[in-house]
């Protein structure tokens, strides 16, 4: 059985792929635009799958898991090229949310 993929592994794999096949990273600004585009494609699939819109013929090629992976890919590219360790950033973010929201949602009448 293989070990599960870690965020660190994913960052390394993306970097290796870029160096082997991608020539270089797109600029940070270009990758931000690409990330926005990929999030839009993910939103289209979610709105048509779980929302009120129906699929158009041109939408049927989209796949929810593939669109999520595209978003993750570009986010990892941005992290790599800006020197962000996503494992550390995620761990700090979870800690921040835990401290800030420890009881917030428990007391939310809407939930």
N, C-alpha and C. Protein backbone atom coordinates (compact mmCIF):
# COMPACT_ATOMS: atom_id res chain seq x y z
N UNK A 1 0.84 -1.17 0.00
CA UNK A 1 0.00 0.00 0.00
C UNK A 1 0.90 1.24 0.00
N UNK A 2 0.59 2.19 -0.84
CA UNK A 2 1.42 3.38 -0.95
C UNK A 2 1.05 4.39 0.13
N UNK A 3 2.00 5.24 0.45
CA UNK A 3 1.75 6.29 1.43
C UNK A 3 0.83 7.34 0.82
N UNK A 4 -0.03 7.94 1.63
CA UNK A 4 -0.90 9.00 1.10
C UNK A 4 -0.08 10.22 0.69
N UNK A 5 -0.57 10.93 -0.28
CA UNK A 5 0.08 12.14 -0.77
C UNK A 5 -0.07 13.25 0.26
N UNK A 6 1.04 13.88 0.60
CA UNK A 6 0.99 15.02 1.52
C UNK A 6 0.97 16.31 0.70
N UNK A 7 0.66 17.41 1.36
CA UNK A 7 0.70 18.70 0.67
C UNK A 7 2.13 18.97 0.21
N UNK A 8 3.09 18.63 1.05
CA UNK A 8 4.50 18.81 0.69
C UNK A 8 4.84 18.01 -0.57
N UNK A 9 4.37 16.77 -0.62
CA UNK A 9 4.59 15.94 -1.82
C UNK A 9 3.98 16.60 -3.05
N UNK A 10 2.77 17.12 -2.91
CA UNK A 10 2.09 17.76 -4.03
C UNK A 10 2.87 18.99 -4.50
N UNK A 11 3.37 19.79 -3.56
CA UNK A 11 4.15 20.95 -3.96
C UNK A 11 5.41 20.52 -4.71
N UNK A 12 6.05 19.48 -4.24
CA UNK A 12 7.26 18.97 -4.90
C UNK A 12 6.93 18.41 -6.29
N UNK A 13 5.84 17.64 -6.40
CA UNK A 13 5.48 17.05 -7.69
C UNK A 13 5.15 18.12 -8.72
N UNK A 14 4.43 19.15 -8.31
CA UNK A 14 4.10 20.23 -9.24
C UNK A 14 5.39 20.91 -9.70
N UNK A 15 6.29 21.19 -8.76
CA UNK A 15 7.55 21.84 -9.12
C UNK A 15 8.36 20.98 -10.09
N UNK A 16 8.43 19.69 -9.83
CA UNK A 16 9.16 18.78 -10.73
C UNK A 16 8.51 18.75 -12.11
N UNK A 17 7.18 18.73 -12.17
CA UNK A 17 6.49 18.72 -13.45
C UNK A 17 6.76 20.00 -14.23
N UNK A 18 6.68 21.13 -13.55
CA UNK A 18 6.93 22.41 -14.21
C UNK A 18 8.33 22.42 -14.80
N UNK A 19 9.31 21.96 -14.05
CA UNK A 19 10.70 21.96 -14.52
C UNK A 19 10.91 20.98 -15.67
N UNK A 20 10.18 19.86 -15.66
CA UNK A 20 10.35 18.85 -16.70
C UNK A 20 9.55 19.13 -17.96
N UNK A 21 8.34 19.65 -17.81
CA UNK A 21 7.43 19.78 -18.95
C UNK A 21 6.90 21.20 -19.19
N UNK A 22 6.89 22.01 -18.18
CA UNK A 22 6.25 23.32 -18.30
C UNK A 22 7.18 24.45 -18.65
N UNK A 23 8.47 24.17 -18.78
CA UNK A 23 9.52 25.14 -19.09
C UNK A 23 9.78 26.04 -17.88
N UNK A 24 8.77 26.77 -17.43
CA UNK A 24 8.87 27.63 -16.25
C UNK A 24 7.46 27.92 -15.75
N UNK A 25 7.39 28.46 -14.55
CA UNK A 25 6.10 28.89 -14.03
C UNK A 25 5.63 30.10 -14.83
N UNK A 26 4.32 30.20 -15.04
CA UNK A 26 3.76 31.45 -15.54
C UNK A 26 4.00 32.50 -14.46
N UNK A 27 3.91 33.76 -14.82
CA UNK A 27 4.07 34.81 -13.82
C UNK A 27 2.99 34.68 -12.75
N UNK A 28 3.24 35.26 -11.60
CA UNK A 28 2.27 35.21 -10.51
C UNK A 28 0.95 35.84 -10.93
N UNK A 29 1.02 36.93 -11.66
CA UNK A 29 -0.21 37.59 -12.10
C UNK A 29 -0.99 36.71 -13.08
N UNK A 30 -0.28 36.07 -14.00
CA UNK A 30 -0.94 35.15 -14.93
C UNK A 30 -1.56 33.98 -14.17
N UNK A 31 -0.82 33.42 -13.21
CA UNK A 31 -1.37 32.30 -12.45
C UNK A 31 -2.57 32.72 -11.60
N UNK A 32 -2.59 33.96 -11.13
CA UNK A 32 -3.76 34.44 -10.40
C UNK A 32 -4.97 34.49 -11.33
N UNK A 33 -4.76 34.94 -12.55
CA UNK A 33 -5.85 34.96 -13.53
C UNK A 33 -6.29 33.54 -13.88
N UNK A 34 -5.33 32.63 -14.03
CA UNK A 34 -5.67 31.23 -14.33
C UNK A 34 -6.44 30.62 -13.16
N UNK A 35 -6.03 30.93 -11.93
CA UNK A 35 -6.74 30.42 -10.76
C UNK A 35 -8.19 30.90 -10.77
N UNK A 36 -8.39 32.16 -11.09
CA UNK A 36 -9.75 32.71 -11.16
C UNK A 36 -10.56 31.98 -12.23
N UNK A 37 -9.94 31.73 -13.36
CA UNK A 37 -10.61 31.00 -14.44
C UNK A 37 -10.99 29.59 -13.99
N UNK A 38 -10.07 28.91 -13.33
CA UNK A 38 -10.33 27.54 -12.88
C UNK A 38 -11.42 27.50 -11.81
N UNK A 39 -11.43 28.48 -10.91
CA UNK A 39 -12.50 28.55 -9.90
C UNK A 39 -13.84 28.78 -10.59
N UNK A 40 -13.85 29.57 -11.66
CA UNK A 40 -15.08 29.78 -12.42
C UNK A 40 -15.59 28.49 -13.05
N UNK A 41 -14.67 27.69 -13.59
CA UNK A 41 -15.07 26.40 -14.17
C UNK A 41 -15.61 25.47 -13.10
N UNK A 42 -15.00 25.47 -11.92
CA UNK A 42 -15.51 24.68 -10.80
C UNK A 42 -16.90 25.16 -10.40
N UNK A 43 -17.08 26.48 -10.33
CA UNK A 43 -18.38 27.04 -9.97
C UNK A 43 -19.45 26.63 -10.98
N UNK A 44 -19.09 26.58 -12.26
CA UNK A 44 -20.05 26.17 -13.29
C UNK A 44 -20.53 24.74 -13.04
N UNK A 45 -19.60 23.84 -12.76
CA UNK A 45 -19.98 22.45 -12.52
C UNK A 45 -20.85 22.34 -11.27
N UNK A 46 -20.48 23.03 -10.21
CA UNK A 46 -21.26 22.96 -8.98
C UNK A 46 -22.65 23.57 -9.17
N UNK A 47 -22.72 24.70 -9.87
CA UNK A 47 -24.04 25.34 -10.06
C UNK A 47 -24.95 24.48 -10.91
N UNK A 48 -24.39 23.74 -11.84
CA UNK A 48 -25.22 22.91 -12.69
C UNK A 48 -25.54 21.56 -12.04
N UNK A 49 -24.64 21.08 -11.20
CA UNK A 49 -24.86 19.80 -10.52
C UNK A 49 -25.76 19.96 -9.30
N UNK A 50 -25.53 20.99 -8.51
CA UNK A 50 -26.24 21.14 -7.24
C UNK A 50 -27.19 22.34 -7.22
N UNK A 51 -27.09 23.21 -8.20
CA UNK A 51 -27.94 24.39 -8.25
C UNK A 51 -29.09 24.22 -9.21
N UNK A 52 -29.64 25.33 -9.61
CA UNK A 52 -30.86 25.33 -10.41
C UNK A 52 -30.61 25.32 -11.91
N UNK A 53 -29.37 25.56 -12.32
CA UNK A 53 -29.10 25.58 -13.77
C UNK A 53 -28.93 24.17 -14.31
N UNK A 54 -29.30 24.00 -15.57
CA UNK A 54 -29.10 22.71 -16.22
C UNK A 54 -27.80 22.77 -17.03
N UNK A 55 -27.29 21.60 -17.33
CA UNK A 55 -26.07 21.52 -18.13
C UNK A 55 -26.37 21.86 -19.57
N UNK A 56 -25.47 22.62 -20.19
CA UNK A 56 -25.48 22.82 -21.63
C UNK A 56 -24.63 21.69 -22.22
N UNK A 57 -24.78 21.43 -23.50
CA UNK A 57 -23.97 20.39 -24.12
C UNK A 57 -22.48 20.65 -23.91
N UNK A 58 -22.06 21.91 -23.96
CA UNK A 58 -20.65 22.25 -23.80
C UNK A 58 -20.16 22.06 -22.37
N UNK A 59 -21.07 21.95 -21.40
CA UNK A 59 -20.69 21.76 -20.00
C UNK A 59 -20.45 20.30 -19.65
N UNK A 60 -20.92 19.39 -20.44
CA UNK A 60 -20.92 17.98 -20.07
C UNK A 60 -19.52 17.39 -20.01
N UNK A 61 -18.54 18.06 -20.63
CA UNK A 61 -17.16 17.57 -20.58
C UNK A 61 -16.51 17.86 -19.23
N UNK A 62 -17.09 18.77 -18.45
CA UNK A 62 -16.50 19.15 -17.17
C UNK A 62 -16.76 18.08 -16.12
N UNK A 63 -15.78 17.91 -15.24
CA UNK A 63 -15.81 16.88 -14.22
C UNK A 63 -15.47 17.54 -12.89
N UNK A 64 -16.29 17.36 -11.88
CA UNK A 64 -16.13 18.04 -10.60
C UNK A 64 -14.74 17.80 -10.00
N UNK A 65 -14.32 16.56 -9.90
CA UNK A 65 -13.03 16.27 -9.26
C UNK A 65 -11.87 16.83 -10.08
N UNK A 66 -11.97 16.79 -11.40
CA UNK A 66 -10.91 17.34 -12.25
C UNK A 66 -10.83 18.85 -12.10
N UNK A 67 -11.99 19.51 -11.99
CA UNK A 67 -11.99 20.97 -11.81
C UNK A 67 -11.39 21.35 -10.46
N UNK A 68 -11.70 20.57 -9.42
CA UNK A 68 -11.09 20.82 -8.11
C UNK A 68 -9.58 20.63 -8.18
N UNK A 69 -9.14 19.60 -8.88
CA UNK A 69 -7.70 19.36 -9.02
C UNK A 69 -7.03 20.49 -9.80
N UNK A 70 -7.70 21.04 -10.80
CA UNK A 70 -7.15 22.19 -11.54
C UNK A 70 -6.94 23.39 -10.62
N UNK A 71 -7.92 23.65 -9.74
CA UNK A 71 -7.80 24.75 -8.79
C UNK A 71 -6.62 24.49 -7.86
N UNK A 72 -6.52 23.28 -7.35
CA UNK A 72 -5.43 22.93 -6.45
C UNK A 72 -4.08 23.07 -7.14
N UNK A 73 -3.98 22.63 -8.38
CA UNK A 73 -2.74 22.72 -9.16
C UNK A 73 -2.25 24.17 -9.24
N UNK A 74 -3.13 25.07 -9.64
CA UNK A 74 -2.71 26.46 -9.82
C UNK A 74 -2.40 27.09 -8.47
N UNK A 75 -3.16 26.75 -7.43
CA UNK A 75 -2.86 27.26 -6.10
C UNK A 75 -1.47 26.79 -5.65
N UNK A 76 -1.15 25.55 -5.92
CA UNK A 76 0.18 25.03 -5.59
C UNK A 76 1.26 25.75 -6.40
N UNK A 77 0.99 26.01 -7.66
CA UNK A 77 1.95 26.78 -8.46
C UNK A 77 2.23 28.13 -7.81
N UNK A 78 1.17 28.83 -7.43
CA UNK A 78 1.33 30.14 -6.79
C UNK A 78 2.11 30.02 -5.48
N UNK A 79 1.82 29.00 -4.70
CA UNK A 79 2.55 28.80 -3.45
C UNK A 79 4.03 28.55 -3.72
N UNK A 80 4.32 27.69 -4.67
CA UNK A 80 5.72 27.38 -5.00
C UNK A 80 6.47 28.62 -5.44
N UNK A 81 5.89 29.38 -6.31
CA UNK A 81 6.63 30.50 -6.88
C UNK A 81 6.71 31.70 -5.93
N UNK A 82 5.90 31.71 -4.87
CA UNK A 82 5.98 32.79 -3.90
C UNK A 82 6.61 32.34 -2.58
N UNK A 83 7.06 31.09 -2.54
CA UNK A 83 7.76 30.59 -1.36
C UNK A 83 6.88 30.24 -0.18
N UNK A 84 5.62 29.94 -0.44
CA UNK A 84 4.69 29.58 0.64
C UNK A 84 4.72 28.07 0.85
N UNK A 85 4.97 27.65 2.08
CA UNK A 85 4.87 26.25 2.45
C UNK A 85 3.41 26.02 2.84
N UNK A 86 2.67 25.36 1.98
CA UNK A 86 1.23 25.19 2.21
C UNK A 86 0.92 24.34 3.44
N UNK A 87 1.78 23.40 3.78
CA UNK A 87 1.55 22.60 4.99
C UNK A 87 1.57 23.50 6.21
N UNK A 88 2.61 24.31 6.33
CA UNK A 88 2.71 25.23 7.47
C UNK A 88 1.57 26.25 7.45
N UNK A 89 1.27 26.79 6.29
CA UNK A 89 0.21 27.79 6.18
C UNK A 89 -1.13 27.19 6.58
N UNK A 90 -1.41 25.97 6.14
CA UNK A 90 -2.68 25.32 6.46
C UNK A 90 -2.78 25.03 7.95
N UNK A 91 -1.69 24.53 8.54
CA UNK A 91 -1.70 24.24 9.97
C UNK A 91 -1.95 25.51 10.78
N UNK A 92 -1.30 26.61 10.42
CA UNK A 92 -1.52 27.88 11.11
C UNK A 92 -2.95 28.37 10.91
N UNK A 93 -3.50 28.15 9.72
CA UNK A 93 -4.85 28.59 9.42
C UNK A 93 -5.88 27.82 10.25
N UNK A 94 -5.67 26.52 10.39
CA UNK A 94 -6.57 25.69 11.22
C UNK A 94 -6.50 26.17 12.67
N UNK A 95 -5.29 26.45 13.15
CA UNK A 95 -5.13 26.93 14.53
C UNK A 95 -5.85 28.27 14.71
N UNK A 96 -5.70 29.18 13.75
CA UNK A 96 -6.36 30.48 13.82
C UNK A 96 -7.87 30.31 13.87
N UNK A 97 -8.41 29.48 12.99
CA UNK A 97 -9.85 29.26 12.94
C UNK A 97 -10.36 28.62 14.23
N UNK A 98 -9.59 27.69 14.78
CA UNK A 98 -9.98 27.00 16.01
C UNK A 98 -10.05 27.98 17.16
N UNK A 99 -9.02 28.82 17.28
CA UNK A 99 -9.01 29.80 18.37
C UNK A 99 -10.13 30.83 18.19
N UNK A 100 -10.32 31.32 16.99
CA UNK A 100 -11.30 32.37 16.73
C UNK A 100 -12.73 31.84 16.82
N UNK A 101 -12.95 30.63 16.33
CA UNK A 101 -14.32 30.12 16.16
C UNK A 101 -14.65 28.96 17.09
N UNK A 102 -13.91 28.83 18.17
CA UNK A 102 -14.08 27.69 19.08
C UNK A 102 -15.54 27.47 19.47
N UNK A 103 -16.28 28.53 19.76
CA UNK A 103 -17.69 28.38 20.15
C UNK A 103 -18.63 29.10 19.19
N UNK A 104 -18.09 29.85 18.27
CA UNK A 104 -18.92 30.68 17.38
C UNK A 104 -20.01 29.87 16.67
N UNK A 105 -19.64 28.77 16.07
CA UNK A 105 -20.61 27.99 15.29
C UNK A 105 -21.53 27.17 16.19
N UNK A 106 -21.05 26.79 17.36
CA UNK A 106 -21.88 26.04 18.30
C UNK A 106 -23.06 26.87 18.77
N UNK A 107 -22.89 28.19 18.81
CA UNK A 107 -23.93 29.09 19.28
C UNK A 107 -24.71 29.74 18.14
N UNK A 108 -24.51 29.29 16.94
CA UNK A 108 -25.18 29.87 15.77
C UNK A 108 -26.54 29.21 15.58
N UNK A 109 -27.58 29.95 15.82
CA UNK A 109 -28.94 29.40 15.68
C UNK A 109 -29.27 28.99 14.26
N UNK A 110 -28.55 29.54 13.27
CA UNK A 110 -28.82 29.22 11.87
C UNK A 110 -28.31 27.83 11.50
N UNK A 111 -27.41 27.32 12.30
CA UNK A 111 -26.86 25.98 12.00
C UNK A 111 -27.61 24.98 12.78
